[in-house]
Protein backbone atom coordinates (compact mmCIF):
# COMPACT_ATOMS: atom_id res chain seq x y z
CA UNK A 1 12.23 144.17 69.95
CA UNK A 2 15.03 144.47 72.60
CA UNK A 3 14.84 140.97 74.81
CA UNK A 4 14.39 142.77 78.00
CA UNK A 5 10.82 144.56 76.71
CA UNK A 6 9.55 140.44 75.91
CA UNK A 7 6.58 139.11 78.25
CA UNK A 8 7.60 136.63 80.20
CA UNK A 9 6.31 133.23 79.24
CA UNK A 10 4.49 131.10 81.39
CA UNK A 11 6.01 127.72 81.27
CA UNK A 12 3.54 124.80 82.10
CA UNK A 13 3.43 121.88 83.76
CA UNK A 14 6.23 119.08 82.62
CA UNK A 15 5.37 115.34 83.10
CA UNK A 16 8.78 115.01 84.66
CA UNK A 17 6.83 116.64 87.33
CA UNK A 18 3.59 115.20 87.78
CA UNK A 19 6.17 111.62 87.92
CA UNK A 20 8.10 113.67 90.77
CA UNK A 21 4.83 114.80 92.72
CA UNK A 22 3.75 111.49 92.21
CA UNK A 23 6.31 110.00 93.28
CA UNK A 24 7.48 112.12 96.84
CA UNK A 25 3.94 110.97 98.09
CA UNK A 26 3.78 107.35 97.36
CA UNK A 27 7.31 107.29 99.33
CA UNK A 28 4.97 109.59 102.26
CA UNK A 29 2.36 107.13 101.54
CA UNK A 30 4.89 104.28 103.03
CA UNK A 31 6.52 106.36 105.76
CA UNK A 32 3.46 107.14 106.77
CA UNK A 33 2.34 103.55 106.90
CA UNK A 34 5.43 102.14 108.10
CA UNK A 35 5.95 105.19 111.22
CA UNK A 36 2.87 106.86 111.56
CA UNK A 37 2.02 109.90 111.41
CA UNK A 38 3.88 111.53 114.60
CA UNK A 39 6.07 109.32 113.57
CA UNK A 40 7.27 110.52 110.20
CA UNK A 41 9.38 113.41 109.39
CA UNK A 42 9.91 115.10 105.84
CA UNK A 43 13.68 114.82 106.43
CA UNK A 44 12.85 110.53 106.51
CA UNK A 45 10.65 111.43 103.39
CA UNK A 46 12.54 113.59 101.45
CA UNK A 47 15.71 111.07 101.68
CA UNK A 48 13.10 107.61 100.89
CA UNK A 49 11.98 109.19 97.74
CA UNK A 50 15.70 110.45 96.64
CA UNK A 51 16.73 107.23 97.80
CA UNK A 52 13.19 106.11 95.46
């Protein structure tokens, strides 16, 4: 069987993905608690998640 004929394989969830998602949620919670929902931005949450 040629490589181009192989069916596409689905990749399962990774532990690091779940950990990363939780880290982002935790950072978002902290940013919202500090600056409020309307005073927060995705850019600020992303920066906090990148440094945390």
